[in-house]
Amino acid sequence: KFQMLKALDPDGLFVPEPEALGGFGFEVGEGMANLDTLKFYEVMLGLQKAGVLARFRGEDAPRRTVVEIGSGFGGFAYQFKTLCPRAAYVCVDLPPTMLFSATYLMTLFPEARTLLYGEDGFEEKVRNLRDYDFVFVPHYYFPLMPSPKIDLGINMVSFQEMTDAQVRGYA
């Protein structure tokens, strides 16, 4: 699968699995990859082919906001921020999962400006999403957030676990 995806990638979008925190996978010649790494790579290629990713890439790209609903452990957020470091990335998920994604991403991006739900002044700070590299929001707070401009909304594998009403609520 890696070779197939690589053949579709003239832009060098592959982000190998990081070794920090016990990264694992198979050596593919350009670093490690596992099923999640390949799934995220495939999504990146899709975003690139759709013309979406270019708006987020480059040092002079304007700061744009990405919201991932069902961000899990933060694997896709890691890949996206590696390729698009200027993006403000909002991770939305169940509270226990946020413990994993916050630990993972704050370890991999130690200099990142982060905002975690529940910290002092959160209600005021969350009004300025673009001031942060990562914002961690539990699913139940998402509908209560101020309505910032969201440039890209992503969901890969959690909508199928939700009711129709929940999916419509996010939309």
N, C-alpha and C. Protein backbone atom coordinates (compact mmCIF):
# COMPACT_ATOMS: atom_id res chain seq x y z
N LYS A 1 0.82 -1.19 0.00
CA LYS A 1 0.00 0.00 0.00
C LYS A 1 0.87 1.26 0.00
N PHE A 2 1.95 1.24 0.77
CA PHE A 2 2.84 2.41 0.79
C PHE A 2 3.36 2.71 -0.61
N GLN A 3 3.81 1.69 -1.32
CA GLN A 3 4.35 1.89 -2.67
C GLN A 3 3.28 2.46 -3.61
N MET A 4 2.06 1.98 -3.48
CA MET A 4 0.96 2.48 -4.31
C MET A 4 0.70 3.97 -4.02
N LEU A 5 0.65 4.32 -2.74
CA LEU A 5 0.41 5.72 -2.37
C LEU A 5 1.58 6.60 -2.79
N LYS A 6 2.78 6.11 -2.60
CA LYS A 6 3.97 6.87 -2.98
C LYS A 6 3.97 7.19 -4.47
N ALA A 7 3.49 6.27 -5.27
CA ALA A 7 3.43 6.49 -6.72
C ALA A 7 2.45 7.61 -7.08
N LEU A 8 1.52 7.90 -6.19
CA LEU A 8 0.53 8.97 -6.42
C LEU A 8 0.96 10.31 -5.82
N ASP A 9 2.17 10.36 -5.28
CA ASP A 9 2.60 11.51 -4.47
C ASP A 9 3.80 12.24 -5.06
N PRO A 10 3.58 13.18 -5.97
CA PRO A 10 4.71 13.94 -6.50
C PRO A 10 5.18 15.05 -5.56
N ASP A 11 4.43 15.29 -4.46
CA ASP A 11 4.70 16.43 -3.58
C ASP A 11 5.41 16.07 -2.28
N GLY A 12 5.72 14.80 -2.06
CA GLY A 12 6.42 14.41 -0.84
C GLY A 12 5.60 14.60 0.42
N LEU A 13 4.39 14.07 0.44
CA LEU A 13 3.49 14.26 1.58
C LEU A 13 3.61 13.18 2.65
N PHE A 14 4.44 12.17 2.42
CA PHE A 14 4.56 11.11 3.42
C PHE A 14 5.22 11.63 4.69
N VAL A 15 4.56 11.40 5.82
CA VAL A 15 5.11 11.75 7.13
C VAL A 15 5.26 10.43 7.88
N PRO A 16 6.51 10.01 8.13
CA PRO A 16 6.71 8.72 8.80
C PRO A 16 6.21 8.73 10.24
N GLU A 17 5.94 7.56 10.74
CA GLU A 17 5.51 7.38 12.13
C GLU A 17 6.64 7.85 13.04
N PRO A 18 6.36 8.74 13.98
CA PRO A 18 7.42 9.19 14.89
C PRO A 18 7.78 8.10 15.89
N GLU A 19 9.04 8.07 16.27
CA GLU A 19 9.49 7.06 17.22
C GLU A 19 9.18 7.44 18.67
N ALA A 20 8.92 8.72 18.91
CA ALA A 20 8.61 9.18 20.27
C ALA A 20 7.37 8.46 20.80
N LEU A 21 7.38 8.20 22.06
CA LEU A 21 6.25 7.55 22.76
C LEU A 21 5.96 6.15 22.22
N GLY A 22 6.97 5.51 21.67
CA GLY A 22 6.83 4.11 21.25
C GLY A 22 6.23 3.92 19.89
N GLY A 23 6.47 4.85 18.98
CA GLY A 23 5.98 4.69 17.62
C GLY A 23 6.38 3.34 17.06
N PHE A 24 5.55 2.76 16.25
CA PHE A 24 5.81 1.42 15.74
C PHE A 24 5.36 1.31 14.30
N GLY A 25 5.82 0.29 13.65
CA GLY A 25 5.42 0.03 12.28
C GLY A 25 6.50 -0.73 11.55
N PHE A 26 6.40 -0.70 10.23
CA PHE A 26 7.36 -1.36 9.36
C PHE A 26 8.21 -0.30 8.69
N GLU A 27 9.48 -0.59 8.53
CA GLU A 27 10.38 0.31 7.81
C GLU A 27 10.01 0.26 6.33
N VAL A 28 9.75 1.45 5.75
CA VAL A 28 9.34 1.50 4.35
C VAL A 28 10.35 2.24 3.49
N GLY A 29 11.54 2.46 4.03
CA GLY A 29 12.59 3.13 3.27
C GLY A 29 12.66 4.62 3.54
N GLU A 30 11.57 5.21 3.95
CA GLU A 30 11.54 6.63 4.26
C GLU A 30 11.12 6.86 5.71
N GLY A 31 11.21 5.82 6.51
CA GLY A 31 10.79 5.87 7.90
C GLY A 31 9.81 4.74 8.16
N MET A 32 9.21 4.79 9.33
CA MET A 32 8.26 3.75 9.72
C MET A 32 6.85 4.10 9.28
N ALA A 33 6.08 3.06 9.00
CA ALA A 33 4.67 3.23 8.67
C ALA A 33 3.88 2.08 9.26
N ASN A 34 2.66 2.38 9.68
CA ASN A 34 1.73 1.36 10.11
C ASN A 34 0.38 1.65 9.44
N LEU A 35 -0.66 0.91 9.78
CA LEU A 35 -1.95 1.11 9.10
C LEU A 35 -2.48 2.53 9.27
N ASP A 36 -2.33 3.10 10.47
CA ASP A 36 -2.79 4.48 10.68
C ASP A 36 -1.98 5.46 9.85
N THR A 37 -0.67 5.29 9.83
CA THR A 37 0.19 6.18 9.04
C THR A 37 -0.25 6.18 7.58
N LEU A 38 -0.52 5.00 7.05
CA LEU A 38 -0.93 4.88 5.65
C LEU A 38 -2.33 5.47 5.43
N LYS A 39 -3.23 5.26 6.38
CA LYS A 39 -4.57 5.85 6.26
C LYS A 39 -4.46 7.38 6.22
N PHE A 40 -3.65 7.94 7.09
CA PHE A 40 -3.48 9.40 7.13
C PHE A 40 -2.80 9.91 5.86
N TYR A 41 -1.84 9.16 5.36
CA TYR A 41 -1.15 9.52 4.11
C TYR A 41 -2.16 9.56 2.96
N GLU A 42 -3.03 8.57 2.92
CA GLU A 42 -4.05 8.52 1.88
C GLU A 42 -4.98 9.75 1.96
N VAL A 43 -5.36 10.14 3.16
CA VAL A 43 -6.21 11.32 3.33
C VAL A 43 -5.46 12.58 2.89
N MET A 44 -4.18 12.67 3.24
CA MET A 44 -3.37 13.83 2.81
C MET A 44 -3.32 13.91 1.29
N LEU A 45 -3.13 12.77 0.64
CA LEU A 45 -3.12 12.76 -0.82
C LEU A 45 -4.46 13.22 -1.39
N GLY A 46 -5.54 12.78 -0.76
CA GLY A 46 -6.87 13.21 -1.19
C GLY A 46 -7.07 14.71 -1.03
N LEU A 47 -6.62 15.25 0.11
CA LEU A 47 -6.71 16.70 0.34
C LEU A 47 -5.88 17.47 -0.68
N GLN A 48 -4.71 16.92 -1.01
CA GLN A 48 -3.84 17.57 -2.00
C GLN A 48 -4.50 17.55 -3.38
N LYS A 49 -5.00 16.39 -3.76
CA LYS A 49 -5.61 16.26 -5.09
C LYS A 49 -6.87 17.10 -5.21
N ALA A 50 -7.56 17.35 -4.10
CA ALA A 50 -8.76 18.18 -4.11
C ALA A 50 -8.43 19.67 -4.08
N GLY A 51 -7.14 20.00 -3.94
CA GLY A 51 -6.74 21.40 -3.92
C GLY A 51 -6.88 22.07 -2.57
N VAL A 52 -7.14 21.29 -1.53
CA VAL A 52 -7.35 21.85 -0.19
C VAL A 52 -6.03 22.10 0.53
N LEU A 53 -5.12 21.16 0.47
CA LEU A 53 -3.91 21.21 1.27
C LEU A 53 -3.01 22.40 0.93
N ALA A 54 -2.98 22.79 -0.33
CA ALA A 54 -2.11 23.89 -0.76
C ALA A 54 -2.40 25.18 -0.01
N ARG A 55 -3.64 25.40 0.40
CA ARG A 55 -4.00 26.63 1.13
C ARG A 55 -3.38 26.68 2.52
N PHE A 56 -2.94 25.53 3.02
CA PHE A 56 -2.38 25.45 4.37
C PHE A 56 -0.86 25.35 4.39
N ARG A 57 -0.25 25.10 3.25
CA ARG A 57 1.19 24.83 3.19
C ARG A 57 1.99 26.06 2.87
N GLY A 58 3.25 26.04 3.28
CA GLY A 58 4.18 27.13 2.99
C GLY A 58 4.33 28.07 4.17
N GLU A 59 5.52 28.62 4.29
CA GLU A 59 5.82 29.51 5.42
C GLU A 59 5.02 30.81 5.36
N ASP A 60 4.61 31.22 4.18
CA ASP A 60 3.85 32.45 4.06
C ASP A 60 2.35 32.20 3.97
N ALA A 61 1.93 30.96 4.19
CA ALA A 61 0.49 30.64 4.17
C ALA A 61 -0.19 31.36 5.34
N PRO A 62 -1.38 31.88 5.09
CA PRO A 62 -2.09 32.51 6.21
C PRO A 62 -2.46 31.46 7.25
N ARG A 63 -2.60 31.89 8.48
CA ARG A 63 -2.98 30.96 9.56
C ARG A 63 -4.45 30.61 9.35
N ARG A 64 -4.71 29.33 9.22
CA ARG A 64 -6.07 28.84 9.00
C ARG A 64 -6.42 27.83 10.10
N THR A 65 -7.71 27.65 10.31
CA THR A 65 -8.19 26.78 11.39
C THR A 65 -8.72 25.46 10.85
N VAL A 66 -8.24 24.37 11.43
CA VAL A 66 -8.69 23.02 11.11
C VAL A 66 -9.36 22.45 12.34
N VAL A 67 -10.51 21.82 12.16
CA VAL A 67 -11.19 21.12 13.25
C VAL A 67 -11.31 19.66 12.86
N GLU A 68 -10.76 18.80 13.70
CA GLU A 68 -10.90 17.36 13.46
C GLU A 68 -11.84 16.80 14.51
N ILE A 69 -12.96 16.28 14.06
CA ILE A 69 -13.94 15.67 14.94
C ILE A 69 -13.60 14.19 15.04
N GLY A 70 -13.30 13.76 16.26
CA GLY A 70 -12.85 12.39 16.47
C GLY A 70 -11.37 12.27 16.20
N SER A 71 -10.59 13.14 16.84
CA SER A 71 -9.15 13.22 16.57
C SER A 71 -8.34 12.07 17.16
N GLY A 72 -8.96 11.24 17.98
CA GLY A 72 -8.27 10.08 18.51
C GLY A 72 -6.99 10.43 19.24
N PHE A 73 -5.95 9.65 19.00
CA PHE A 73 -4.68 9.86 19.71
C PHE A 73 -3.88 11.02 19.15
N GLY A 74 -4.32 11.63 18.04
CA GLY A 74 -3.62 12.78 17.47
C GLY A 74 -2.73 12.45 16.29
N GLY A 75 -2.81 11.26 15.76
CA GLY A 75 -1.95 10.84 14.66
C GLY A 75 -2.11 11.67 13.39
N PHE A 76 -3.35 11.93 12.99
CA PHE A 76 -3.56 12.75 11.79
C PHE A 76 -3.16 14.20 12.07
N ALA A 77 -3.47 14.68 13.25
CA ALA A 77 -3.07 16.05 13.62
C ALA A 77 -1.55 16.20 13.52
N TYR A 78 -0.81 15.18 13.96
CA TYR A 78 0.65 15.20 13.86
C TYR A 78 1.08 15.34 12.39
N GLN A 79 0.50 14.53 11.53
CA GLN A 79 0.88 14.59 10.12
C GLN A 79 0.51 15.94 9.52
N PHE A 80 -0.70 16.41 9.81
CA PHE A 80 -1.15 17.67 9.23
C PHE A 80 -0.25 18.83 9.68
N LYS A 81 0.04 18.90 10.98
CA LYS A 81 0.87 20.00 11.50
C LYS A 81 2.32 19.89 11.02
N THR A 82 2.78 18.68 10.75
CA THR A 82 4.12 18.51 10.20
C THR A 82 4.19 19.12 8.79
N LEU A 83 3.15 18.88 8.01
CA LEU A 83 3.12 19.41 6.65
C LEU A 83 2.64 20.87 6.58
N CYS A 84 1.83 21.26 7.54
CA CYS A 84 1.21 22.60 7.53
C CYS A 84 1.39 23.25 8.90
N PRO A 85 2.62 23.65 9.23
CA PRO A 85 2.90 24.11 10.59
C PRO A 85 2.16 25.40 10.99
N ARG A 86 1.67 26.16 10.06
CA ARG A 86 0.98 27.40 10.41
C ARG A 86 -0.48 27.20 10.79
N ALA A 87 -1.00 26.00 10.60
CA ALA A 87 -2.42 25.74 10.90
C ALA A 87 -2.68 25.79 12.40
N ALA A 88 -3.85 26.30 12.75
CA ALA A 88 -4.37 26.18 14.11
C ALA A 88 -5.26 24.95 14.10
N TYR A 89 -4.95 23.96 14.94
CA TYR A 89 -5.59 22.65 14.86
C TYR A 89 -6.41 22.38 16.11
N VAL A 90 -7.71 22.17 15.92
CA VAL A 90 -8.62 21.90 17.03
C VAL A 90 -8.95 20.41 17.04
N CYS A 91 -8.65 19.76 18.14
CA CYS A 91 -8.94 18.34 18.32
C CYS A 91 -10.20 18.21 19.16
N VAL A 92 -11.22 17.53 18.63
CA VAL A 92 -12.48 17.31 19.32
C VAL A 92 -12.68 15.81 19.49
N ASP A 93 -12.89 15.38 20.73
CA ASP A 93 -13.10 13.95 20.97
C ASP A 93 -13.65 13.74 22.37
N LEU A 94 -13.79 12.49 22.75
CA LEU A 94 -14.22 12.14 24.11
C LEU A 94 -13.12 12.54 25.10
N PRO A 95 -13.50 12.96 26.31
CA PRO A 95 -12.49 13.43 27.26
C PRO A 95 -11.34 12.46 27.53
N PRO A 96 -11.58 11.15 27.73
CA PRO A 96 -10.43 10.26 27.97
C PRO A 96 -9.45 10.24 26.79
N THR A 97 -9.98 10.33 25.59
CA THR A 97 -9.13 10.32 24.41
C THR A 97 -8.28 11.58 24.33
N MET A 98 -8.82 12.68 24.82
CA MET A 98 -8.08 13.94 24.80
C MET A 98 -6.79 13.84 25.64
N LEU A 99 -6.81 13.00 26.66
CA LEU A 99 -5.58 12.79 27.44
C LEU A 99 -4.47 12.24 26.56
N PHE A 100 -4.82 11.32 25.68
CA PHE A 100 -3.83 10.73 24.78
C PHE A 100 -3.36 11.72 23.73
N SER A 101 -4.31 12.40 23.07
CA SER A 101 -3.92 13.31 22.00
C SER A 101 -3.12 14.49 22.53
N ALA A 102 -3.50 15.03 23.68
CA ALA A 102 -2.76 16.15 24.25
C ALA A 102 -1.34 15.72 24.62
N THR A 103 -1.21 14.56 25.25
CA THR A 103 0.12 14.06 25.62
C THR A 103 0.96 13.81 24.36
N TYR A 104 0.39 13.16 23.39
CA TYR A 104 1.09 12.82 22.14
C TYR A 104 1.56 14.08 21.42
N LEU A 105 0.64 14.99 21.16
CA LEU A 105 0.99 16.16 20.36
C LEU A 105 1.88 17.15 21.10
N MET A 106 1.67 17.30 22.40
CA MET A 106 2.53 18.21 23.17
C MET A 106 3.94 17.64 23.33
N THR A 107 4.08 16.32 23.26
CA THR A 107 5.40 15.69 23.28
C THR A 107 6.10 15.88 21.95
N LEU A 108 5.37 15.68 20.86
CA LEU A 108 5.97 15.78 19.53
C LEU A 108 6.21 17.23 19.09
N PHE A 109 5.44 18.15 19.64
CA PHE A 109 5.59 19.58 19.32
C PHE A 109 5.76 20.35 20.62
N PRO A 110 6.90 20.21 21.29
CA PRO A 110 7.08 20.81 22.62
C PRO A 110 6.99 22.34 22.63
N GLU A 111 7.23 22.98 21.51
CA GLU A 111 7.17 24.44 21.45
C GLU A 111 5.79 24.95 21.05
N ALA A 112 4.87 24.06 20.78
CA ALA A 112 3.54 24.46 20.31
C ALA A 112 2.79 25.23 21.39
N ARG A 113 2.01 26.18 20.93
CA ARG A 113 1.10 26.91 21.82
C ARG A 113 -0.18 26.08 21.90
N THR A 114 -0.54 25.66 23.11
CA THR A 114 -1.68 24.77 23.29
C THR A 114 -2.71 25.38 24.23
N LEU A 115 -3.95 24.96 24.02
CA LEU A 115 -5.05 25.36 24.89
C LEU A 115 -5.86 24.11 25.18
N LEU A 116 -6.04 23.81 26.47
CA LEU A 116 -6.78 22.63 26.87
C LEU A 116 -8.05 23.05 27.59
N TYR A 117 -9.15 22.41 27.21
CA TYR A 117 -10.43 22.66 27.87
C TYR A 117 -10.25 22.51 29.38
N GLY A 118 -10.79 23.46 30.11
CA GLY A 118 -10.74 23.39 31.57
C GLY A 118 -9.62 24.20 32.19
N GLU A 119 -8.65 24.64 31.40
CA GLU A 119 -7.58 25.44 31.99
C GLU A 119 -8.10 26.84 32.30
N ASP A 120 -7.44 27.52 33.20
CA ASP A 120 -7.85 28.86 33.61
C ASP A 120 -8.01 29.78 32.40
N GLY A 121 -9.13 30.47 32.35
CA GLY A 121 -9.38 31.42 31.29
C GLY A 121 -9.77 30.81 29.96
N PHE A 122 -10.09 29.52 29.94
CA PHE A 122 -10.39 28.83 28.68
C PHE A 122 -11.50 29.52 27.90
N GLU A 123 -12.58 29.88 28.58
CA GLU A 123 -13.75 30.47 27.91
C GLU A 123 -13.38 31.70 27.09
N GLU A 124 -12.48 32.51 27.62
CA GLU A 124 -12.05 33.70 26.90
C GLU A 124 -11.00 33.36 25.84
N LYS A 125 -10.06 32.52 26.19
CA LYS A 125 -8.97 32.16 25.26
C LYS A 125 -9.48 31.45 24.02
N VAL A 126 -10.50 30.62 24.15
CA VAL A 126 -10.98 29.83 23.01
C VAL A 126 -11.59 30.71 21.92
N ARG A 127 -11.87 31.95 22.24
CA ARG A 127 -12.40 32.88 21.24
C ARG A 127 -11.36 33.22 20.17
N ASN A 128 -10.10 32.96 20.48
CA ASN A 128 -8.99 33.27 19.58
C ASN A 128 -8.25 32.00 19.19
N LEU A 129 -8.93 31.10 18.50
CA LEU A 129 -8.35 29.81 18.15
C LEU A 129 -7.02 29.94 17.41
N ARG A 130 -6.91 30.93 16.58
CA ARG A 130 -5.71 31.06 15.75
C ARG A 130 -4.49 31.51 16.54
N ASP A 131 -4.67 31.79 17.81
CA ASP A 131 -3.52 32.09 18.67
C ASP A 131 -2.78 30.81 19.09
N TYR A 132 -3.36 29.66 18.79
CA TYR A 132 -2.83 28.39 19.28
C TYR A 132 -2.50 27.45 18.12
N ASP A 133 -1.54 26.58 18.39
CA ASP A 133 -1.22 25.51 17.45
C ASP A 133 -2.20 24.35 17.61
N PHE A 134 -2.52 24.04 18.86
CA PHE A 134 -3.45 22.96 19.17
C PHE A 134 -4.43 23.42 20.24
N VAL A 135 -5.70 23.12 20.02
CA VAL A 135 -6.75 23.36 21.01
C VAL A 135 -7.45 22.02 21.21
N PHE A 136 -7.60 21.61 22.46
CA PHE A 136 -8.19 20.32 22.79
C PHE A 136 -9.55 20.56 23.45
N VAL A 137 -10.60 20.07 22.78
CA VAL A 137 -11.97 20.36 23.20
C VAL A 137 -12.75 19.05 23.31
N PRO A 138 -13.40 18.80 24.44
CA PRO A 138 -14.24 17.60 24.53
C PRO A 138 -15.48 17.75 23.66
N HIS A 139 -15.99 16.64 23.22
CA HIS A 139 -17.13 16.63 22.30
C HIS A 139 -18.33 17.42 22.82
N TYR A 140 -18.58 17.39 24.11
CA TYR A 140 -19.77 18.06 24.64
C TYR A 140 -19.62 19.58 24.67
N TYR A 141 -18.39 20.08 24.58
CA TYR A 141 -18.19 21.53 24.57
C TYR A 141 -18.24 22.10 23.15
N PHE A 142 -17.98 21.29 22.17
CA PHE A 142 -17.90 21.79 20.80
C PHE A 142 -19.12 22.62 20.38
N PRO A 143 -20.36 22.18 20.66
CA PRO A 143 -21.51 22.99 20.24
C PRO A 143 -21.61 24.32 21.00
N LEU A 144 -20.91 24.45 22.11
CA LEU A 144 -20.96 25.67 22.91
C LEU A 144 -19.87 26.67 22.56
N MET A 145 -18.94 26.24 21.71
CA MET A 145 -17.81 27.11 21.35
C MET A 145 -18.32 28.34 20.61
N PRO A 146 -17.61 29.47 20.80
CA PRO A 146 -17.91 30.62 19.94
C PRO A 146 -17.73 30.17 18.49
N SER A 147 -18.40 30.79 17.58
CA SER A 147 -18.37 30.37 16.18
C SER A 147 -17.23 31.01 15.42
N PRO A 148 -16.05 30.41 15.50
CA PRO A 148 -14.93 30.96 14.74
C PRO A 148 -15.02 30.52 13.28
N LYS A 149 -14.25 31.15 12.46
CA LYS A 149 -14.17 30.72 11.06
C LYS A 149 -13.36 29.42 11.03
N ILE A 150 -13.96 28.38 10.50
CA ILE A 150 -13.30 27.09 10.36
C ILE A 150 -12.99 26.92 8.87
N ASP A 151 -11.72 26.73 8.56
CA ASP A 151 -11.32 26.61 7.17
C ASP A 151 -11.38 25.17 6.65
N LEU A 152 -11.28 24.20 7.56
CA LEU A 152 -11.34 22.80 7.15
C LEU A 152 -11.87 21.98 8.32
N GLY A 153 -12.88 21.19 8.06
CA GLY A 153 -13.40 20.24 9.04
C GLY A 153 -13.09 18.84 8.56
N ILE A 154 -12.61 18.00 9.46
CA ILE A 154 -12.19 16.65 9.09
C ILE A 154 -12.83 15.65 10.05
N ASN A 155 -13.30 14.55 9.49
CA ASN A 155 -13.69 13.38 10.26
C ASN A 155 -13.36 12.17 9.41
N MET A 156 -12.62 11.25 10.00
CA MET A 156 -12.24 10.07 9.22
C MET A 156 -12.95 8.81 9.65
N VAL A 157 -13.04 8.56 10.93
CA VAL A 157 -13.55 7.25 11.34
C VAL A 157 -14.46 7.29 12.56
N SER A 158 -15.01 8.44 12.90
CA SER A 158 -15.88 8.43 14.08
C SER A 158 -17.34 8.70 13.78
N PHE A 159 -17.67 9.29 12.64
CA PHE A 159 -19.08 9.54 12.35
C PHE A 159 -19.88 8.23 12.29
N GLN A 160 -19.26 7.16 11.83
CA GLN A 160 -19.99 5.89 11.76
C GLN A 160 -20.33 5.35 13.14
N GLU A 161 -19.70 5.87 14.18
CA GLU A 161 -19.99 5.44 15.56
C GLU A 161 -21.07 6.29 16.21
N MET A 162 -21.52 7.33 15.51
CA MET A 162 -22.47 8.28 16.08
C MET A 162 -23.87 8.08 15.52
N THR A 163 -24.82 8.64 16.23
CA THR A 163 -26.20 8.65 15.74
C THR A 163 -26.33 9.70 14.64
N ASP A 164 -27.40 9.59 13.90
CA ASP A 164 -27.70 10.60 12.87
C ASP A 164 -27.74 11.99 13.47
N ALA A 165 -28.39 12.12 14.61
CA ALA A 165 -28.53 13.43 15.27
C ALA A 165 -27.16 13.99 15.65
N GLN A 166 -26.28 13.15 16.12
CA GLN A 166 -24.94 13.64 16.49
C GLN A 166 -24.17 14.13 15.28
N VAL A 167 -24.24 13.39 14.19
CA VAL A 167 -23.54 13.81 12.97
C VAL A 167 -24.11 15.12 12.46
N ARG A 168 -25.44 15.22 12.45
CA ARG A 168 -26.08 16.46 12.01
C ARG A 168 -25.70 17.63 12.93
N GLY A 169 -25.57 17.36 14.21
CA GLY A 169 -25.15 18.41 15.15
C GLY A 169 -23.77 18.95 14.83
N TYR A 170 -22.84 18.08 14.50
CA TYR A 170 -21.50 18.54 14.11
C TYR A 170 -21.54 19.32 12.81
N ALA A 171 -22.34 18.81 11.85
CA ALA A 171 -22.44 19.49 10.56
C ALA A 171 -23.06 20.86 10.75
